[in-house]
PDB file of N, CA and C in Angstrom:
ATOM      1  N   UNK A   1      78.120  15.960 -48.466  1.00  0.00           N
ATOM      2  CA  UNK A   1      78.906  14.921 -47.885  1.00  0.00           C
ATOM      3  C   UNK A   1      79.333  14.400 -49.678  1.00  0.00           C
ATOM      4  N   UNK A   2      79.655  13.867 -50.503  1.00  0.00           N
ATOM      5  CA  UNK A   2      80.167  13.087 -51.771  1.00  0.00           C
ATOM      6  C   UNK A   2      79.899  11.921 -51.200  1.00  0.00           C
ATOM      7  N   UNK A   3      79.172  10.712 -52.159  1.00  0.00           N
ATOM      8  CA  UNK A   3      79.464   9.393 -51.768  1.00  0.00           C
ATOM      9  C   UNK A   3      80.643   8.602 -51.605  1.00  0.00           C
ATOM     10  N   UNK A   4      81.582   9.156 -52.187  1.00  0.00           N
ATOM     11  CA  UNK A   4      82.720   8.553 -51.673  1.00  0.00           C
ATOM     12  C   UNK A   4      83.441   9.008 -50.683  1.00  0.00           C
ATOM     13  N   UNK A   5      82.869  10.076 -50.086  1.00  0.00           N
ATOM     14  CA  UNK A   5      83.715  10.266 -48.873  1.00  0.00           C
ATOM     15  C   UNK A   5      82.837  10.324 -47.950  1.00  0.00           C
ATOM     16  N   UNK A   6      81.893   9.858 -47.750  1.00  0.00           N
ATOM     17  CA  UNK A   6      80.997   9.404 -47.243  1.00  0.00           C
ATOM     18  C   UNK A   6      81.484   7.390 -46.666  1.00  0.00           C
ATOM     19  N   UNK A   7      81.397   7.419 -48.035  1.00  0.00           N
ATOM     20  CA  UNK A   7      81.973   5.519 -47.644  1.00  0.00           C
ATOM     21  C   UNK A   7      83.375   5.404 -46.524  1.00  0.00           C
ATOM     22  N   UNK A   8      84.399   6.116 -46.795  1.00  0.00           N
ATOM     23  CA  UNK A   8      85.757   6.504 -46.602  1.00  0.00           C
ATOM     24  C   UNK A   8      85.834   6.700 -45.069  1.00  0.00           C
ATOM     25  N   UNK A   9      84.506   7.947 -45.048  1.00  0.00           N
ATOM     26  CA  UNK A   9      84.080   8.170 -43.274  1.00  0.00           C
ATOM     27  C   UNK A   9      83.467   6.464 -43.092  1.00  0.00           C
ATOM     28  N   UNK A  10      82.597   5.961 -43.543  1.00  0.00           N
ATOM     29  CA  UNK A  10      82.059   4.820 -42.610  1.00  0.00           C
ATOM     30  C   UNK A  10      83.471   3.770 -42.707  1.00  0.00           C
ATOM     31  N   UNK A  11      83.985   3.552 -43.262  1.00  0.00           N
ATOM     32  CA  UNK A  11      85.346   2.566 -43.316  1.00  0.00           C
ATOM     33  C   UNK A  11      86.253   2.755 -42.344  1.00  0.00           C
ATOM     34  N   UNK A  12      86.381   3.887 -42.176  1.00  0.00           N
ATOM     35  CA  UNK A  12      87.324   4.129 -40.877  1.00  0.00           C
ATOM     36  C   UNK A  12      86.488   4.140 -39.392  1.00  0.00           C
ATOM     37  N   UNK A  13      85.463   4.973 -39.478  1.00  0.00           N
ATOM     38  CA  UNK A  13      84.309   4.739 -38.367  1.00  0.00           C
ATOM     39  C   UNK A  13      84.242   3.170 -38.234  1.00  0.00           C
ATOM     40  N   UNK A  14      83.817   2.116 -39.183  1.00  0.00           N
ATOM     41  CA  UNK A  14      83.962   0.930 -38.827  1.00  0.00           C
ATOM     42  C   UNK A  14      85.186  -0.283 -38.241  1.00  0.00           C
ATOM     43  N   UNK A  15      86.365   0.255 -38.560  1.00  0.00           N
ATOM     44  CA  UNK A  15      87.530  -0.082 -38.145  1.00  0.00           C
ATOM     45  C   UNK A  15      88.496   0.801 -36.848  1.00  0.00           C
ATOM     46  N   UNK A  16      87.268   1.497 -36.484  1.00  0.00           N
ATOM     47  CA  UNK A  16      87.924   1.634 -35.113  1.00  0.00           C
ATOM     48  C   UNK A  16      89.194   3.620 -35.216  1.00  0.00           C
ATOM     49  N   UNK A  17      88.785   3.569 -36.720  1.00  0.00           N
ATOM     50  CA  UNK A  17      89.480   5.419 -36.482  1.00  0.00           C
ATOM     51  C   UNK A  17      89.298   6.376 -35.877  1.00  0.00           C
ATOM     52  N   UNK A  18      88.367   6.374 -35.805  1.00  0.00           N
ATOM     53  CA  UNK A  18      88.027   7.729 -34.905  1.00  0.00           C
ATOM     54  C   UNK A  18      87.862   7.680 -33.628  1.00  0.00           C
ATOM     55  N   UNK A  19      87.952   6.511 -33.284  1.00  0.00           N
ATOM     56  CA  UNK A  19      88.442   6.808 -31.739  1.00  0.00           C
ATOM     57  C   UNK A  19      89.673   6.622 -31.546  1.00  0.00           C
ATOM     58  N   UNK A  20      90.435   6.225 -32.594  1.00  0.00           N
ATOM     59  CA  UNK A  20      91.830   6.750 -32.400  1.00  0.00           C
ATOM     60  C   UNK A  20      92.593   8.265 -32.648  1.00  0.00           C
ATOM     61  N   UNK A  21      91.524   8.431 -33.583  1.00  0.00           N
ATOM     62  CA  UNK A  21      91.579  10.358 -33.795  1.00  0.00           C
ATOM     63  C   UNK A  21      90.912  11.057 -32.956  1.00  0.00           C
ATOM     64  N   UNK A  22      89.611  10.583 -32.215  1.00  0.00           N
ATOM     65  CA  UNK A  22      89.612  11.600 -30.955  1.00  0.00           C
ATOM     66  C   UNK A  22      90.295  11.684 -30.224  1.00  0.00           C
ATOM     67  N   UNK A  23      91.276  11.074 -29.575  1.00  0.00           N
ATOM     68  CA  UNK A  23      91.961  11.501 -29.039  1.00  0.00           C
ATOM     69  C   UNK A  23      93.304  12.876 -29.046  1.00  0.00           C
ATOM     70  N   UNK A  24      93.997  12.512 -30.156  1.00  0.00           N
ATOM     71  CA  UNK A  24      94.649  13.878 -30.908  1.00  0.00           C
ATOM     72  C   UNK A  24      93.986  14.889 -31.121  1.00  0.00           C
ATOM     73  N   UNK A  25      92.499  14.556 -31.684  1.00  0.00           N
ATOM     74  CA  UNK A  25      91.357  15.743 -31.819  1.00  0.00           C
ATOM     75  C   UNK A  25      91.322  16.543 -30.542  1.00  0.00           C
ATOM     76  N   UNK A  26      90.808  16.048 -29.470  1.00  0.00           N
ATOM     77  CA  UNK A  26      90.990  16.152 -28.037  1.00  0.00           C
ATOM     78  C   UNK A  26      92.026  17.193 -27.511  1.00  0.00           C
ATOM     79  N   UNK A  27      93.238  16.773 -28.347  1.00  0.00           N
ATOM     80  CA  UNK A  27      94.688  17.224 -27.607  1.00  0.00           C
ATOM     81  C   UNK A  27      94.458  18.699 -28.403  1.00  0.00           C
ATOM     82  N   UNK A  28      94.258  18.577 -29.424  1.00  0.00           N
ATOM     83  CA  UNK A  28      95.031  19.878 -30.271  1.00  0.00           C
ATOM     84  C   UNK A  28      93.576  20.820 -29.996  1.00  0.00           C
ATOM     85  N   UNK A  29      92.335  20.753 -29.521  1.00  0.00           N
ATOM     86  CA  UNK A  29      91.678  21.399 -29.240  1.00  0.00           C
ATOM     87  C   UNK A  29      92.310  22.267 -27.866  1.00  0.00           C
ATOM     88  N   UNK A  30      92.832  21.451 -26.877  1.00  0.00           N
ATOM     89  CA  UNK A  30      93.184  21.775 -25.893  1.00  0.00           C
ATOM     90  C   UNK A  30      94.127  22.926 -25.900  1.00  0.00           C
ATOM     91  N   UNK A  31      94.911  22.400 -27.018  1.00  0.00           N
ATOM     92  CA  UNK A  31      96.514  23.186 -27.246  1.00  0.00           C
ATOM     93  C   UNK A  31      95.656  24.495 -27.448  1.00  0.00           C
ATOM     94  N   UNK A  32      94.748  24.703 -28.402  1.00  0.00           N
ATOM     95  CA  UNK A  32      93.915  26.157 -29.405  1.00  0.00           C
ATOM     96  C   UNK A  32      93.513  26.535 -28.571  1.00  0.00           C
ATOM     97  N   UNK A  33      92.478  26.077 -27.903  1.00  0.00           N
ATOM     98  CA  UNK A  33      91.921  26.996 -27.175  1.00  0.00           C
ATOM     99  C   UNK A  33      91.794  27.039 -25.638  1.00  0.00           C
ATOM    100  N   UNK A  34      92.649  26.029 -24.818  1.00  0.00           N
ATOM    101  CA  UNK A  34      93.348  25.443 -23.389  1.00  0.00           C
ATOM    102  C   UNK A  34      94.404  27.074 -23.088  1.00  0.00           C
ATOM    103  N   UNK A  35      95.190  26.774 -23.901  1.00  0.00           N
ATOM    104  CA  UNK A  35      96.757  27.565 -23.578  1.00  0.00           C
ATOM    105  C   UNK A  35      96.476  28.926 -23.407  1.00  0.00           C
ATOM    106  N   UNK A  36      95.838  29.510 -25.246  1.00  0.00           N
ATOM    107  CA  UNK A  36      95.771  30.906 -25.576  1.00  0.00           C
ATOM    108  C   UNK A  36      94.764  31.520 -24.572  1.00  0.00           C
ATOM    109  N   UNK A  37      93.712  30.853 -23.931  1.00  0.00           N
ATOM    110  CA  UNK A  37      93.054  31.224 -22.491  1.00  0.00           C
ATOM    111  C   UNK A  37      93.963  31.434 -21.272  1.00  0.00           C
ATOM    112  N   UNK A  38      94.106  30.234 -20.972  1.00  0.00           N
ATOM    113  CA  UNK A  38      95.310  30.301 -19.606  1.00  0.00           C
ATOM    114  C   UNK A  38      96.422  31.375 -19.751  1.00  0.00           C
ATOM    115  N   UNK A  39      96.602  31.619 -20.785  1.00  0.00           N
ATOM    116  CA  UNK A  39      98.383  32.764 -20.768  1.00  0.00           C
ATOM    117  C   UNK A  39      96.832  33.972 -21.179  1.00  0.00           C
ATOM    118  N   UNK A  40      96.171  34.135 -21.545  1.00  0.00           N
ATOM    119  CA  UNK A  40      95.540  35.636 -21.609  1.00  0.00           C
ATOM    120  C   UNK A  40      95.189  35.727 -20.020  1.00  0.00           C
ATOM    121  N   UNK A  41      94.216  34.216 -19.585  1.00  0.00           N
ATOM    122  CA  UNK A  41      93.971  35.080 -17.597  1.00  0.00           C
ATOM    123  C   UNK A  41      95.492  35.285 -16.778  1.00  0.00           C
ATOM    124  N   UNK A  42      96.439  34.731 -17.372  1.00  0.00           N
ATOM    125  CA  UNK A  42      98.093  35.049 -16.177  1.00  0.00           C
ATOM    126  C   UNK A  42      97.826  36.517 -16.855  1.00  0.00           C
ATOM    127  N   UNK A  43      97.923  36.649 -17.942  1.00  0.00           N
ATOM    128  CA  UNK A  43      98.547  37.889 -18.506  1.00  0.00           C
ATOM    129  C   UNK A  43      97.476  39.323 -18.011  1.00  0.00           C
ATOM    130  N   UNK A  44      96.130  38.824 -17.792  1.00  0.00           N
ATOM    131  CA  UNK A  44      94.818  39.869 -17.433  1.00  0.00           C
ATOM    132  C   UNK A  44      95.430  40.113 -15.839  1.00  0.00           C
ATOM    133  N   UNK A  45      95.354  38.898 -15.478  1.00  0.00           N
ATOM    134  CA  UNK A  45      95.877  39.124 -14.194  1.00  0.00           C
ATOM    135  C   UNK A  45      96.877  40.090 -13.584  1.00  0.00           C
ATOM    136  N   UNK A  46      98.039  39.700 -14.116  1.00  0.00           N
ATOM    137  CA  UNK A  46      99.280  40.607 -13.661  1.00  0.00           C
ATOM    138  C   UNK A  46      98.887  41.817 -14.487  1.00  0.00           C
ATOM    139  N   UNK A  47      98.145  42.497 -15.185  1.00  0.00           N
ATOM    140  CA  UNK A  47      98.324  43.350 -15.953  1.00  0.00           C
ATOM    141  C   UNK A  47      97.093  44.764 -14.908  1.00  0.00           C
ATOM    142  N   UNK A  48      96.236  43.622 -14.558  1.00  0.00           N
ATOM    143  CA  UNK A  48      95.170  44.498 -13.931  1.00  0.00           C
ATOM    144  C   UNK A  48      95.225  45.468 -12.947  1.00  0.00           C
ATOM    145  N   UNK A  49      96.407  45.003 -11.832  1.00  0.00           N
ATOM    146  CA  UNK A  49      96.364  45.878 -10.923  1.00  0.00           C
ATOM    147  C   UNK A  49      97.322  47.331 -11.084  1.00  0.00           C
ATOM    148  N   UNK A  50      98.449  47.498 -12.274  1.00  0.00           N
ATOM    149  CA  UNK A  50      98.826  48.402 -12.555  1.00  0.00           C
ATOM    150  C   UNK A  50      98.028  49.187 -13.544  1.00  0.00           C
ATOM    151  N   UNK A  51      96.707  48.574 -14.394  1.00  0.00           N
ATOM    152  CA  UNK A  51      95.950  49.309 -15.738  1.00  0.00           C
ATOM    153  C   UNK A  51      94.791  50.227 -14.300  1.00  0.00           C
ATOM    154  N   UNK A  52      94.703  49.200 -13.076  1.00  0.00           N
ATOM    155  CA  UNK A  52      93.728  50.308 -12.388  1.00  0.00           C
ATOM    156  C   UNK A  52      94.140  51.647 -12.161  1.00  0.00           C
ATOM    157  N   UNK A  53      95.555  51.175 -11.518  1.00  0.00           N
ATOM    158  CA  UNK A  53      95.818  52.000 -10.525  1.00  0.00           C
ATOM    159  C   UNK A  53      96.345  53.477 -11.565  1.00  0.00           C
ATOM    160  N   UNK A  54      96.671  53.049 -12.670  1.00  0.00           N
ATOM    161  CA  UNK A  54      96.688  54.095 -13.820  1.00  0.00           C
ATOM    162  C   UNK A  54      95.864  55.218 -13.970  1.00  0.00           C
ATOM    163  N   UNK A  55      94.797  54.030 -14.265  1.00  0.00           N
ATOM    164  CA  UNK A  55      93.271  54.992 -14.318  1.00  0.00           C
ATOM    165  C   UNK A  55      92.963  55.675 -13.489  1.00  0.00           C
ATOM    166  N   UNK A  56      93.243  55.281 -11.942  1.00  0.00           N
ATOM    167  CA  UNK A  56      92.451  56.149 -10.820  1.00  0.00           C
ATOM    168  C   UNK A  56      93.688  57.136 -10.654  1.00  0.00           C
ATOM    169  N   UNK A  57      95.038  57.031 -11.329  1.00  0.00           N
ATOM    170  CA  UNK A  57      95.262  58.368 -11.369  1.00  0.00           C
ATOM    171  C   UNK A  57      95.281  59.106 -12.472  1.00  0.00           C
ATOM    172  N   UNK A  58      94.569  58.856 -13.372  1.00  0.00           N
ATOM    173  CA  UNK A  58      94.282  59.969 -14.629  1.00  0.00           C
ATOM    174  C   UNK A  58      92.704  60.609 -14.080  1.00  0.00           C
ATOM    175  N   UNK A  59      91.509  59.784 -13.231  1.00  0.00           N
ATOM    176  CA  UNK A  59      90.747  60.486 -12.947  1.00  0.00           C
ATOM    177  C   UNK A  59      90.515  60.837 -11.623  1.00  0.00           C
ATOM    178  N   UNK A  60      92.340  61.156 -11.495  1.00  0.00           N
ATOM    179  CA  UNK A  60      91.921  61.782  -9.504  1.00  0.00           C
ATOM    180  C   UNK A  60      91.138  63.211  -9.985  1.00  0.00           C
ATOM    181  N   UNK A  61      89.955  62.936  -9.421  1.00  0.00           N
ATOM    182  CA  UNK A  61      89.065  64.366  -9.104  1.00  0.00           C
ATOM    183  C   UNK A  61      88.304  64.328  -7.680  1.00  0.00           C
ATOM    184  N   UNK A  62      88.507  65.409  -6.748  1.00  0.00           N
ATOM    185  CA  UNK A  62      88.301  65.174  -5.502  1.00  0.00           C
ATOM    186  C   UNK A  62      86.904  65.141  -5.834  1.00  0.00           C
ATOM    187  N   UNK A  63      86.156  65.882  -6.790  1.00  0.00           N
ATOM    188  CA  UNK A  63      84.772  65.683  -7.333  1.00  0.00           C
ATOM    189  C   UNK A  63      83.863  64.871  -7.046  1.00  0.00           C
ATOM    190  N   UNK A  64      84.398  63.842  -7.800  1.00  0.00           N
ATOM    191  CA  UNK A  64      83.775  62.085  -8.284  1.00  0.00           C
ATOM    192  C   UNK A  64      84.364  61.553  -7.059  1.00  0.00           C
ATOM    193  N   UNK A  65      85.159  61.261  -6.403  1.00  0.00           N
ATOM    194  CA  UNK A  65      85.027  60.823  -4.959  1.00  0.00           C
ATOM    195  C   UNK A  65      84.311  61.508  -3.822  1.00  0.00           C
ATOM    196  N   UNK A  66      83.742  62.391  -3.841  1.00  0.00           N
ATOM    197  CA  UNK A  66      82.828  63.204  -2.827  1.00  0.00           C
ATOM    198  C   UNK A  66      81.485  62.615  -3.691  1.00  0.00           C
ATOM    199  N   UNK A  67      81.100  62.816  -4.987  1.00  0.00           N
ATOM    200  CA  UNK A  67      79.512  61.631  -5.108  1.00  0.00           C
ATOM    201  C   UNK A  67      79.696  60.841  -4.842  1.00  0.00           C
ATOM    202  N   UNK A  68      80.990  59.922  -4.816  1.00  0.00           N
ATOM    203  CA  UNK A  68      80.660  58.447  -4.693  1.00  0.00           C
ATOM    204  C   UNK A  68      80.179  58.244  -3.193  1.00  0.00           C
ATOM    205  N   UNK A  69      80.911  58.952  -2.094  1.00  0.00           N
ATOM    206  CA  UNK A  69      81.460  58.660  -1.079  1.00  0.00           C
ATOM    207  C   UNK A  69      79.681  59.326  -0.527  1.00  0.00           C
ATOM    208  N   UNK A  70      79.561  59.908  -1.029  1.00  0.00           N
ATOM    209  CA  UNK A  70      78.108  60.504  -0.467  1.00  0.00           C
ATOM    210  C   UNK A  70      76.658  60.013  -0.756  1.00  0.00           C
ATOM    211  N   UNK A  71      76.869  59.311  -1.853  1.00  0.00           N
ATOM    212  CA  UNK A  71      75.336  58.664  -3.168  1.00  0.00           C
ATOM    213  C   UNK A  71      76.289  57.757  -3.756  1.00  0.00           C
ATOM    214  N   UNK A  72      76.191  56.288  -3.332  1.00  0.00           N
ATOM    215  CA  UNK A  72      76.600  55.342  -4.039  1.00  0.00           C
ATOM    216  C   UNK A  72      75.531  54.158  -4.630  1.00  0.00           C
ATOM    217  N   UNK A  73      74.408  55.144  -4.699  1.00  0.00           N
ATOM    218  CA  UNK A  73      73.328  54.330  -5.308  1.00  0.00           C
ATOM    219  C   UNK A  73      73.479  55.014  -7.182  1.00  0.00           C
ATOM    220  N   UNK A  74      74.452  56.037  -6.916  1.00  0.00           N
ATOM    221  CA  UNK A  74      74.587  56.315  -8.280  1.00  0.00           C
ATOM    222  C   UNK A  74      75.617  55.441  -8.817  1.00  0.00           C
ATOM    223  N   UNK A  75      76.931  55.194  -8.095  1.00  0.00           N
ATOM    224  CA  UNK A  75      77.642  54.790  -8.950  1.00  0.00           C
ATOM    225  C   UNK A  75      76.895  53.099  -8.951  1.00  0.00           C
ATOM    226  N   UNK A  76      75.917  52.464  -8.066  1.00  0.00           N
ATOM    227  CA  UNK A  76      75.413  51.135  -8.469  1.00  0.00           C
ATOM    228  C   UNK A  76      74.518  51.220  -9.724  1.00  0.00           C
ATOM    229  N   UNK A  77      73.370  52.313  -9.836  1.00  0.00           N
ATOM    230  CA  UNK A  77      72.855  52.732 -11.372  1.00  0.00           C
ATOM    231  C   UNK A  77      73.979  52.576 -12.232  1.00  0.00           C
ATOM    232  N   UNK A  78      74.878  53.098 -12.574  1.00  0.00           N
ATOM    233  CA  UNK A  78      75.685  52.972 -13.581  1.00  0.00           C
ATOM    234  C   UNK A  78      76.299  51.611 -13.848  1.00  0.00           C
ATOM    235  N   UNK A  79      76.922  51.038 -12.804  1.00  0.00           N
ATOM    236  CA  UNK A  79      77.415  49.997 -13.005  1.00  0.00           C
ATOM    237  C   UNK A  79      76.602  48.768 -13.708  1.00  0.00           C
ATOM    238  N   UNK A  80      74.839  49.031 -13.153  1.00  0.00           N
ATOM    239  CA  UNK A  80      73.908  48.409 -13.761  1.00  0.00           C
ATOM    240  C   UNK A  80      73.879  48.730 -15.254  1.00  0.00           C
ATOM    241  N   UNK A  81      73.686  50.394 -15.327  1.00  0.00           N
ATOM    242  CA  UNK A  81      73.390  50.274 -16.934  1.00  0.00           C
ATOM    243  C   UNK A  81      74.274  50.168 -17.770  1.00  0.00           C
ATOM    244  N   UNK A  82      75.875  49.839 -17.591  1.00  0.00           N
ATOM    245  CA  UNK A  82      76.828  49.333 -18.014  1.00  0.00           C
ATOM    246  C   UNK A  82      76.899  47.911 -18.769  1.00  0.00           C
ATOM    247  N   UNK A  83      76.452  47.068 -17.139  1.00  0.00           N
ATOM    248  CA  UNK A  83      76.074  45.729 -17.565  1.00  0.00           C
ATOM    249  C   UNK A  83      74.623  45.446 -17.939  1.00  0.00           C
ATOM    250  N   UNK A  84      73.515  46.202 -18.326  1.00  0.00           N
ATOM    251  CA  UNK A  84      72.825  45.528 -18.953  1.00  0.00           C
ATOM    252  C   UNK A  84      73.032  46.396 -20.516  1.00  0.00           C
ATOM    253  N   UNK A  85      74.088  47.442 -20.781  1.00  0.00           N
ATOM    254  CA  UNK A  85      74.466  47.614 -22.289  1.00  0.00           C
ATOM    255  C   UNK A  85      75.020  46.161 -22.561  1.00  0.00           C
ATOM    256  N   UNK A  86      76.645  45.960 -21.920  1.00  0.00           N
ATOM    257  CA  UNK A  86      77.048  45.181 -22.270  1.00  0.00           C
ATOM    258  C   UNK A  86      75.853  43.910 -22.942  1.00  0.00           C
ATOM    259  N   UNK A  87      75.616  43.287 -21.916  1.00  0.00           N
ATOM    260  CA  UNK A  87      74.406  42.180 -22.055  1.00  0.00           C
ATOM    261  C   UNK A  87      73.455  42.374 -23.373  1.00  0.00           C
ATOM    262  N   UNK A  88      73.249  43.690 -23.406  1.00  0.00           N
ATOM    263  CA  UNK A  88      72.335  43.915 -24.812  1.00  0.00           C
ATOM    264  C   UNK A  88      73.056  43.638 -26.187  1.00  0.00           C
ATOM    265  N   UNK A  89      74.274  44.108 -25.819  1.00  0.00           N
ATOM    266  CA  UNK A  89      74.990  44.090 -26.899  1.00  0.00           C
ATOM    267  C   UNK A  89      75.162  42.517 -27.571  1.00  0.00           C
ATOM    268  N   UNK A  90      75.609  41.396 -26.080  1.00  0.00           N
ATOM    269  CA  UNK A  90      76.205  40.165 -26.287  1.00  0.00           C
ATOM    270  C   UNK A  90      74.563  39.343 -27.091  1.00  0.00           C
ATOM    271  N   UNK A  91      73.712  39.946 -26.430  1.00  0.00           N
ATOM    272  CA  UNK A  91      72.364  39.298 -26.780  1.00  0.00           C
ATOM    273  C   UNK A  91      71.980  39.423 -28.093  1.00  0.00           C
ATOM    274  N   UNK A  92      72.135  40.390 -28.596  1.00  0.00           N
ATOM    275  CA  UNK A  92      72.497  40.983 -30.316  1.00  0.00           C
ATOM    276  C   UNK A  92      73.235  40.436 -30.874  1.00  0.00           C
ATOM    277  N   UNK A  93      74.329  40.161 -30.504  1.00  0.00           N
ATOM    278  CA  UNK A  93      75.518  39.334 -31.686  1.00  0.00           C
ATOM    279  C   UNK A  93      75.125  37.967 -31.463  1.00  0.00           C
ATOM    280  N   UNK A  94      74.070  37.012 -30.664  1.00  0.00           N
ATOM    281  CA  UNK A  94      73.765  35.728 -30.796  1.00  0.00           C
ATOM    282  C   UNK A  94      72.649  35.852 -32.190  1.00  0.00           C
TER     283      UNK A  94
END
């Protein structure tokens, strides 16, 4: 940070500038982050039932349902494996 920028920042801070700018910053952050998150959640909630029924109709195989109805531990094992894989990818990216 240059010296002139530091002096300008300290002047605005001492005059009450950041307090006035804080509310506008919060508002713009809400618009930039909150609105897309809410819109994405609403669209996902509307799209999920149709998408899940479409995928179920594609994978409509009697053998799959027979295995799942007789041995639910295989389903739980696969679910936990996928969850662990997604978590390891997330941790690897951080």
